[in-house]
Protein backbone atom coordinates (compact mmCIF):
# COMPACT_ATOMS: atom_id res chain seq x y z
CA MET A 1 0.00 0.00 0.00
CA ASP A 2 1.39 3.40 -0.97
CA VAL A 3 1.48 6.12 1.65
CA ILE A 4 -1.36 8.59 1.15
CA THR A 5 -0.04 11.92 -0.11
CA SER A 6 -0.30 14.91 2.19
CA PRO A 7 -3.21 16.76 0.51
CA SER A 8 -5.51 13.73 0.24
CA PHE A 9 -4.46 12.42 3.65
CA ALA A 10 -5.18 15.71 5.40
CA GLY A 11 -8.47 16.04 3.55
CA THR A 12 -9.57 12.57 4.64
CA VAL A 13 -8.56 13.31 8.22
CA ARG A 14 -10.23 16.73 8.37
CA ALA A 15 -13.57 15.24 7.33
CA SER A 16 -13.76 13.66 10.80
CA PHE A 17 -13.28 16.96 12.65
CA PRO A 18 -16.36 19.20 12.95
CA VAL A 19 -14.21 22.06 14.24
CA PHE A 20 -13.05 22.79 10.69
CA GLN A 21 -16.52 24.15 9.97
CA ARG A 22 -15.60 27.11 12.19
CA ARG A 23 -14.22 30.32 10.73
CA VAL A 24 -11.93 32.97 12.17
CA ALA A 25 -11.21 36.02 10.02
CA GLY A 26 -13.32 34.32 7.35
CA LYS A 27 -11.07 31.26 7.12
CA PRO A 28 -10.91 27.78 8.68
CA ILE A 29 -8.73 27.66 11.77
CA ALA A 30 -5.13 26.62 11.18
CA PHE A 31 -4.32 24.64 14.31
CA PHE A 32 -0.65 24.56 15.30
CA ASP A 33 -1.48 24.12 19.00
CA GLY A 34 -1.40 20.31 18.95
CA PRO A 35 1.55 20.05 21.35
CA GLY A 36 -0.76 21.57 23.95
CA GLY A 37 -3.78 19.50 22.95
CA SER A 38 -5.18 18.16 19.69
CA GLN A 39 -8.61 18.53 18.15
CA VAL A 40 -11.17 15.73 18.57
CA PRO A 41 -12.79 13.76 15.74
CA ARG A 42 -16.53 13.19 15.58
CA GLU A 43 -16.10 9.47 16.26
CA VAL A 44 -14.50 10.18 19.63
CA ALA A 45 -17.13 12.72 20.66
CA ASP A 46 -19.86 10.28 19.61
CA ALA A 47 -18.32 7.52 21.72
CA VAL A 48 -18.30 9.79 24.79
CA ALA A 49 -21.90 10.86 24.22
CA GLU A 50 -23.09 7.31 23.56
CA TYR A 51 -21.54 6.07 26.79
CA LEU A 52 -23.07 8.88 28.84
CA THR A 53 -26.52 8.57 27.34
CA GLN A 54 -26.77 4.77 27.13
CA HIS A 55 -24.37 3.06 29.55
CA ASN A 56 -23.53 5.48 32.36
CA ALA A 57 -22.97 3.66 35.67
CA ASN A 58 -20.33 2.81 38.23
CA THR A 59 -18.39 -0.42 37.88
CA HIS A 60 -18.86 -3.92 39.31
CA GLY A 61 -22.61 -3.82 39.80
CA HIS A 62 -25.04 -6.64 39.06
CA PHE A 63 -27.12 -4.76 36.51
CA ARG A 64 -26.90 -4.09 32.81
CA THR A 65 -25.32 -0.61 32.57
CA SER A 66 -22.73 -1.43 35.22
CA GLU A 67 -21.78 -4.61 33.40
CA GLU A 68 -21.55 -2.60 30.18
CA THR A 69 -19.24 -0.13 31.93
CA ASP A 70 -17.02 -3.00 33.11
CA ALA A 71 -16.86 -4.26 29.54
CA ALA A 72 -16.02 -0.78 28.25
CA MET A 73 -13.18 -0.39 30.75
CA ASN A 74 -11.77 -3.78 29.78
CA ALA A 75 -12.02 -2.89 26.10
CA ALA A 76 -10.18 0.38 26.78
CA ARG A 77 -7.34 -1.50 28.50
CA GLU A 78 -7.10 -3.75 25.46
CA ALA A 79 -6.99 -0.74 23.16
CA PHE A 80 -4.14 0.89 25.08
CA ALA A 81 -2.28 -2.38 25.37
CA ASP A 82 -2.27 -2.36 21.58
CA PHE A 83 -1.38 1.34 21.49
CA LEU A 84 1.62 1.02 23.83
CA GLY A 85 2.67 -2.58 23.26
CA GLY A 86 1.84 -4.01 26.69
CA THR A 87 -0.93 -6.17 28.07
CA PRO A 88 -4.36 -5.05 29.35
CA GLY A 89 -3.34 -5.89 32.92
CA GLU A 90 -0.57 -3.28 32.70
CA ILE A 91 -2.80 -0.32 31.76
CA VAL A 92 -3.80 2.20 34.45
CA PHE A 93 -6.07 5.19 33.87
CA GLY A 94 -5.92 8.53 35.66
CA ALA A 95 -6.67 12.22 35.31
CA ASN A 96 -3.57 13.13 33.28
CA MET A 97 0.12 12.33 33.07
CA THR A 98 1.07 14.86 35.75
CA THR A 99 -1.38 13.47 38.30
CA ILE A 100 -0.33 9.92 37.46
CA ALA A 101 3.35 10.80 37.98
CA PHE A 102 2.67 12.35 41.39
CA HIS A 103 0.55 9.32 42.35
CA LEU A 104 3.27 6.89 41.30
CA SER A 105 5.97 8.97 42.99
CA ARG A 106 4.35 8.45 46.41
CA SER A 107 4.57 4.70 45.99
CA LEU A 108 8.10 4.68 44.60
CA GLY A 109 9.19 7.04 47.36
CA ARG A 110 8.36 4.43 49.99
CA GLU A 111 11.46 2.54 48.82
CA LEU A 112 13.82 5.55 48.85
CA GLY A 113 15.87 7.06 51.62
CA PRO A 114 18.98 9.16 52.31
CA GLY A 115 21.83 8.21 50.01
CA ASP A 116 19.56 7.15 47.17
CA GLU A 117 19.58 9.15 43.92
CA VAL A 118 17.04 10.11 41.29
CA VAL A 119 17.98 11.29 37.80
CA VAL A 120 15.89 13.78 35.78
CA THR A 121 16.69 15.88 32.71
CA GLU A 122 16.59 19.61 32.02
CA LEU A 123 14.98 18.95 28.63
CA ASP A 124 11.80 17.64 30.24
CA HIS A 125 8.41 19.13 31.03
CA GLN A 126 8.01 19.85 34.74
CA ALA A 127 5.53 16.96 34.94
CA ASN A 128 8.54 14.68 34.58
CA GLN A 129 10.69 16.64 37.00
CA ALA A 130 8.60 18.01 39.86
CA PRO A 131 7.03 14.69 41.02
CA TRP A 132 10.44 13.05 41.32
CA ARG A 133 12.04 16.11 42.94
CA ARG A 134 9.25 16.22 45.54
CA MET A 135 9.62 12.49 46.11
CA ALA A 136 13.36 12.86 46.69
CA GLU A 137 12.85 15.85 48.96
CA ASP A 138 10.33 13.94 51.09
CA ARG A 139 12.61 10.91 51.40
CA GLY A 140 15.95 12.69 51.80
CA ALA A 141 17.25 11.41 48.47
CA THR A 142 19.44 13.31 46.02
CA VAL A 143 18.36 14.57 42.58
CA ARG A 144 20.81 14.69 39.70
CA ALA A 145 19.70 16.80 36.72
CA VAL A 146 21.15 15.93 33.32
CA PRO A 147 21.66 19.00 31.07
CA PHE A 148 21.02 19.29 27.36
CA LEU A 149 23.36 20.71 24.76
CA ALA A 150 21.98 24.13 23.83
CA GLU A 151 23.64 24.09 20.41
CA THR A 152 21.87 20.86 19.38
CA MET A 153 18.90 20.78 21.80
CA GLN A 154 19.78 17.16 22.58
CA LEU A 155 20.45 15.48 25.89
CA ASP A 156 24.06 15.30 27.03
CA TYR A 157 24.33 11.52 27.11
CA GLN A 158 27.86 11.63 28.49
CA ALA A 159 26.53 13.63 31.42
CA MET A 160 23.73 11.06 31.72
CA GLU A 161 26.29 8.27 32.00
CA ARG A 162 28.08 10.19 34.76
CA ALA A 163 24.83 10.90 36.61
CA ILE A 164 23.61 7.28 36.69
CA GLY A 165 25.47 5.13 39.18
CA PRO A 166 25.18 2.52 41.94
CA LYS A 167 23.03 4.81 44.09
CA THR A 168 20.52 5.58 41.32
CA ARG A 169 17.03 4.26 42.03
CA LEU A 170 14.99 5.98 39.31
CA VAL A 171 15.73 7.61 35.96
CA ALA A 172 13.01 9.82 34.46
CA VAL A 173 13.30 10.80 30.80
CA GLY A 174 11.00 12.25 28.18
CA GLY A 175 10.23 10.48 24.95
CA ALA A 176 10.33 13.85 23.19
CA SER A 177 10.63 17.50 24.18
CA ASN A 178 7.29 19.29 24.13
CA ALA A 179 9.09 22.63 23.68
CA VAL A 180 11.44 21.97 20.75
CA GLY A 181 10.55 18.49 19.47
CA THR A 182 13.77 16.60 20.25
CA ILE A 183 13.21 12.84 20.27
CA ASN A 184 15.42 11.30 22.93
CA ASP A 185 17.29 8.01 22.69
CA VAL A 186 15.09 6.43 25.35
CA ARG A 187 16.47 2.92 24.95
CA ARG A 188 19.98 4.19 25.57
CA VAL A 189 18.80 5.78 28.81
CA THR A 190 16.77 2.81 30.03
CA ASP A 191 19.72 0.51 29.34
CA MET A 192 21.88 2.75 31.54
CA ALA A 193 19.27 2.58 34.28
CA ARG A 194 18.87 -1.17 34.10
CA ALA A 195 22.63 -1.69 34.20
CA VAL A 196 22.72 -0.26 37.74
CA GLY A 197 19.43 -1.81 38.88
CA ALA A 198 17.42 1.43 38.66
CA LEU A 199 13.85 1.80 37.45
CA SER A 200 12.97 4.00 34.49
CA PHE A 201 9.95 6.24 33.83
CA VAL A 202 9.18 7.67 30.39
CA ASP A 203 7.01 10.73 29.75
CA ALA A 204 5.59 9.91 26.32
CA VAL A 205 3.00 12.70 26.22
CA HIS A 206 4.59 14.57 23.33
CA LEU A 207 5.88 11.46 21.55
CA ALA A 208 2.62 9.50 21.46
CA PRO A 209 0.80 11.59 18.79
CA HIS A 210 3.66 11.29 16.31
CA ARG A 211 5.50 7.99 16.72
CA ARG A 212 4.54 4.37 17.27
CA ILE A 213 5.34 3.38 20.85
CA ASP A 214 6.41 -0.10 21.95
CA VAL A 215 7.33 -0.33 25.62
CA ALA A 216 9.29 -3.52 25.00
CA GLU A 217 11.50 -1.75 22.47
CA LEU A 218 11.97 1.22 24.81
CA GLY A 219 12.93 -1.08 27.67
CA CYS A 220 11.26 1.07 30.32
CA ASP A 221 9.51 0.14 33.56
CA PHE A 222 6.80 2.81 33.41
CA LEU A 223 5.47 5.00 30.62
CA ALA A 224 2.72 7.62 30.72
CA CYS A 225 0.84 9.63 28.11
CA SER A 226 -2.31 11.74 27.81
CA ALA A 227 -5.12 11.02 25.35
CA TYR A 228 -5.94 14.69 24.74
CA LYS A 229 -2.68 14.99 22.82
CA PHE A 230 -3.78 12.31 20.32
CA PHE A 231 -7.38 13.20 19.52
CA GLY A 232 -9.01 11.98 22.73
CA PRO A 233 -10.50 13.45 25.92
CA HIS A 234 -8.55 14.62 28.96
CA VAL A 235 -7.48 11.24 30.34
CA GLY A 236 -4.04 10.02 31.40
CA ILE A 237 -2.69 6.52 30.76
CA LEU A 238 0.06 4.71 32.63
CA TRP A 239 1.71 1.53 31.44
CA GLY A 240 3.65 -0.26 34.15
CA ARG A 241 5.38 -3.61 34.29
CA ARG A 242 2.90 -6.05 35.77
CA GLU A 243 5.28 -7.26 38.47
CA LEU A 244 5.85 -3.68 39.62
CA LEU A 245 2.15 -2.81 39.64
CA GLU A 246 1.63 -5.86 41.84
CA ARG A 247 4.63 -5.37 44.15
CA LEU A 248 4.55 -1.63 44.82
CA THR A 249 2.02 -0.22 47.28
CA PRO A 250 -0.31 2.45 45.88
CA TYR A 251 -2.02 5.02 48.07
CA LYS A 252 -5.71 4.06 48.06
CA VAL A 253 -8.73 3.59 50.31
CA PRO A 254 -8.90 0.19 52.08
CA PRO A 255 -12.04 -1.21 50.37
CA ALA A 256 -10.70 -0.56 46.87
CA SER A 257 -9.50 -3.50 44.81
CA ASN A 258 -6.11 -4.97 45.65
CA ASP A 259 -5.72 -6.39 42.16
CA ALA A 260 -3.54 -4.72 39.53
CA PRO A 261 -4.15 -2.58 37.58
CA GLU A 262 -7.32 -1.37 39.33
CA ARG A 263 -5.53 -0.96 42.65
CA TRP A 264 -3.77 2.05 41.13
CA GLU A 265 -6.98 3.80 40.08
CA THR A 266 -8.19 5.82 43.05
CA GLY A 267 -11.88 6.68 43.22
CA THR A 268 -14.46 6.49 40.46
CA GLN A 269 -12.79 6.91 37.11
CA ASN A 270 -13.73 9.18 34.21
CA HIS A 271 -15.51 6.36 32.40
CA GLU A 272 -16.74 8.47 29.51
CA GLY A 273 -13.27 9.92 29.02
CA ILE A 274 -11.69 6.47 29.04
CA VAL A 275 -14.23 5.27 26.46
CA GLY A 276 -13.38 8.32 24.36
CA ALA A 277 -9.65 7.69 24.72
CA ALA A 278 -10.10 4.13 23.46
CA ALA A 279 -12.14 5.51 20.56
CA ALA A 280 -9.20 7.78 19.72
CA VAL A 281 -6.94 4.74 19.46
CA ASP A 282 -9.46 3.08 17.16
CA TRP A 283 -9.75 6.26 15.10
CA ILE A 284 -5.99 6.33 14.57
CA ALA A 285 -5.98 2.65 13.63
CA GLY A 286 -8.86 3.33 11.24
CA LEU A 287 -6.62 5.59 9.16
CA ALA A 288 -4.96 2.42 7.92
CA GLY A 289 -7.89 0.01 8.12
CA GLY A 290 -7.79 -3.72 8.70
CA THR A 291 -8.97 -5.93 11.52
CA ASP A 292 -5.68 -6.34 13.42
CA ARG A 293 -5.47 -3.19 15.56
CA ARG A 294 -1.75 -3.42 16.34
CA ALA A 295 -0.87 -3.86 12.68
CA ALA A 296 -3.23 -1.03 11.74
CA LEU A 297 -1.60 1.25 14.31
CA ASP A 298 1.83 0.38 12.87
CA ARG A 299 0.67 1.44 9.44
CA ALA A 300 -1.27 4.48 10.63
CA PHE A 301 1.75 5.96 12.35
CA GLU A 302 3.81 5.42 9.20
CA MET A 303 1.18 7.45 7.35
CA ILE A 304 1.10 10.16 10.01
CA GLU A 305 4.87 10.44 10.09
CA GLU A 306 5.12 10.63 6.30
CA HIS A 307 2.48 13.35 6.12
CA GLU A 308 4.00 15.41 8.91
CA ARG A 309 7.56 15.06 7.62
CA GLY A 310 6.88 16.81 4.32
CA LEU A 311 4.88 19.61 5.92
CA PHE A 312 7.50 20.08 8.60
CA GLN A 313 10.21 20.65 6.00
CA ARG A 314 7.99 23.24 4.34
CA MET A 315 7.30 24.99 7.66
CA VAL A 316 10.94 25.10 8.74
CA ALA A 317 12.19 26.32 5.38
CA GLY A 318 9.56 29.05 5.25
CA ILE A 319 10.19 30.34 8.76
CA GLU A 320 13.97 30.18 8.41
CA ALA A 321 13.71 32.33 5.28
CA ILE A 322 12.23 35.20 7.29
CA PRO A 323 15.11 37.47 8.38
CA GLY A 324 15.87 37.42 12.09
CA THR A 325 13.83 34.37 13.03
CA ARG A 326 15.52 31.70 15.10
CA ILE A 327 14.41 28.10 15.41
CA TYR A 328 15.68 26.10 18.37
CA GLY A 329 16.03 22.48 17.42
CA VAL A 330 18.15 19.46 16.64
CA PRO A 331 20.51 19.28 13.65
CA ALA A 332 19.01 18.34 10.30
CA GLY A 333 18.32 14.62 10.09
CA ALA A 334 18.28 14.04 13.85
CA PRO A 335 15.13 12.44 15.31
CA ARG A 336 12.42 14.96 16.19
CA THR A 337 8.68 15.46 16.22
CA PRO A 338 7.09 18.02 13.86
CA THR A 339 7.20 20.69 16.56
CA ILE A 340 9.34 23.83 16.58
CA GLY A 341 10.11 26.43 19.20
CA PHE A 342 11.23 29.72 17.71
CA THR A 343 11.55 33.48 18.18
CA VAL A 344 11.11 36.40 15.78
CA PRO A 345 12.73 39.82 15.85
CA GLY A 346 10.86 42.85 17.12
CA ALA A 347 7.91 41.04 18.68
CA SER A 348 7.45 39.04 21.86
CA PRO A 349 6.09 35.47 21.70
CA ASP A 350 2.92 36.78 23.34
CA GLU A 351 2.41 39.41 20.65
CA VAL A 352 3.12 36.95 17.85
CA ALA A 353 0.61 34.42 19.22
CA ARG A 354 -2.05 37.12 19.64
CA ARG A 355 -1.63 38.57 16.17
CA LEU A 356 -1.59 35.17 14.48
CA GLY A 357 -4.63 34.15 16.50
CA GLU A 358 -6.56 37.12 15.17
CA GLU A 359 -5.96 35.69 11.69
CA GLY A 360 -7.17 32.23 12.67
CA VAL A 361 -3.66 30.75 13.01
CA PHE A 362 -3.35 29.21 16.46
CA VAL A 363 0.09 28.80 18.08
CA TRP A 364 1.28 28.62 21.68
CA ASN A 365 3.71 30.94 23.43
CA GLY A 366 5.60 30.79 26.71
CA ASN A 367 7.63 28.05 28.37
CA PHE A 368 5.04 25.25 28.08
CA TYR A 369 6.05 24.01 31.55
CA ALA A 370 9.45 23.15 30.08
CA THR A 371 10.86 25.81 32.38
CA THR A 372 14.42 24.50 32.47
CA VAL A 373 14.60 24.66 28.66
CA CYS A 374 13.73 28.36 28.57
CA GLU A 375 16.02 29.07 31.53
CA ARG A 376 19.00 27.42 29.80
CA LEU A 377 18.24 29.31 26.58
CA GLN A 378 17.94 32.57 28.57
CA LEU A 379 14.50 33.25 27.11
CA ASP A 380 12.56 33.83 30.33
CA ASP A 381 12.87 37.62 30.23
CA CYS A 382 11.56 37.85 26.66
CA GLY A 383 8.55 35.58 27.22
CA GLY A 384 9.89 32.21 26.16
CA LEU A 385 9.24 30.68 22.76
CA ILE A 386 6.60 30.60 20.06
CA ARG A 387 5.63 26.97 19.46
CA ALA A 388 4.06 25.48 16.35
CA GLY A 389 3.30 21.81 15.93
CA LEU A 390 1.83 19.78 13.09
CA ALA A 391 -0.93 17.18 13.20
CA PRO A 392 -2.47 14.79 10.66
CA TYR A 393 -5.11 17.43 9.89
CA THR A 394 -2.55 20.13 9.02
CA THR A 395 -2.47 21.18 5.37
CA GLU A 396 0.00 22.99 3.13
CA GLU A 397 -2.36 25.97 3.15
CA ASP A 398 -2.20 26.03 6.96
CA VAL A 399 1.59 26.06 6.86
CA ASP A 400 1.66 28.82 4.25
CA ARG A 401 -0.73 30.93 6.36
CA LEU A 402 1.57 30.52 9.36
CA ILE A 403 4.63 31.58 7.37
CA GLU A 404 2.89 34.57 5.79
CA GLY A 405 1.50 35.66 9.15
CA ILE A 406 4.97 35.65 10.68
CA ARG A 407 6.37 37.50 7.70
CA ARG A 408 3.79 40.29 8.12
CA ILE A 409 4.59 40.59 11.84
CA VAL A 410 8.31 40.86 11.18
CA GLY A 411 7.65 43.36 8.42
């Protein structure tokens, strides 16, 4: 099967998104805000509504709608097992990746004490720094922060090797930078962690919309992502090795289930959101078709990556051609998502985002909770970065509108 070309692929994708019927400044919205949250296809919204209107109930009851809710939760675990490469018994649902990380940190912290060390990176979102820093602070452990190389926006892997040692108990690393798009060599990091007997946690929030994830290939112990970044509702997903989910002690109320993975899900879950998140997985798989969901997801992500790669080259070339603009990113050819962080001369990121927004071109500005990135780049005082990210529904016309909008701002 040939990869669908960008125009026809984007057109097929956009047909599922009612939001493209909206107009700003007389034109459809050009969404470049995907790194902060994607748009939602009709199929996902319909799944949420259908659950709420036909099946809404709490779990484990002896009546029809409760049994249907149990079945829906089980089906969602199966969907995310296919999405991440694990098994249904390794899938935990929560509010979002940040909340999940704090929840997990309490349990992991029970096994830490003075003299133990935790490794984080300066390239990461604070959701993959703050929970582990608080955990270490509470337990008297030491935090080692691995820097990134400002000239390449890549992790300093030599510094990582020096930071990980016999006292390391946990290594937290991002799959990709939400600020500048760098894709990290996660397997290299998890191998370092395993070599010293440490656990590894991967923040895959920014990676999940753009690359096929297989936890076995990554070699991690835990991985978390958020469905609202890949066309779903605001729900977080944790994959954890089954033996760890069973051995570690979660913070929960006494009557709650002691069986993994449910023992990690405190309180009544967002059932409609979980149903919608599973529908998002099926929507992605449906881009490729077929009855084998894992194989369909493999193919769908090839299609997404191919579409985004061509548009990304067009976006970068167009922005770089505007005098005075600066894109912060990895060298050409290095692994990255289709996300750029950049600055323009004579206008703050806030002003750029506002003026583009008035034209129906939506970008983010600021530090995106990747505070250590903006601190290292000395961009705090000027308002951080402008961030633009591509999605399967992005078109060439969208990219051209972004470039022309920036050109008008620069003058």
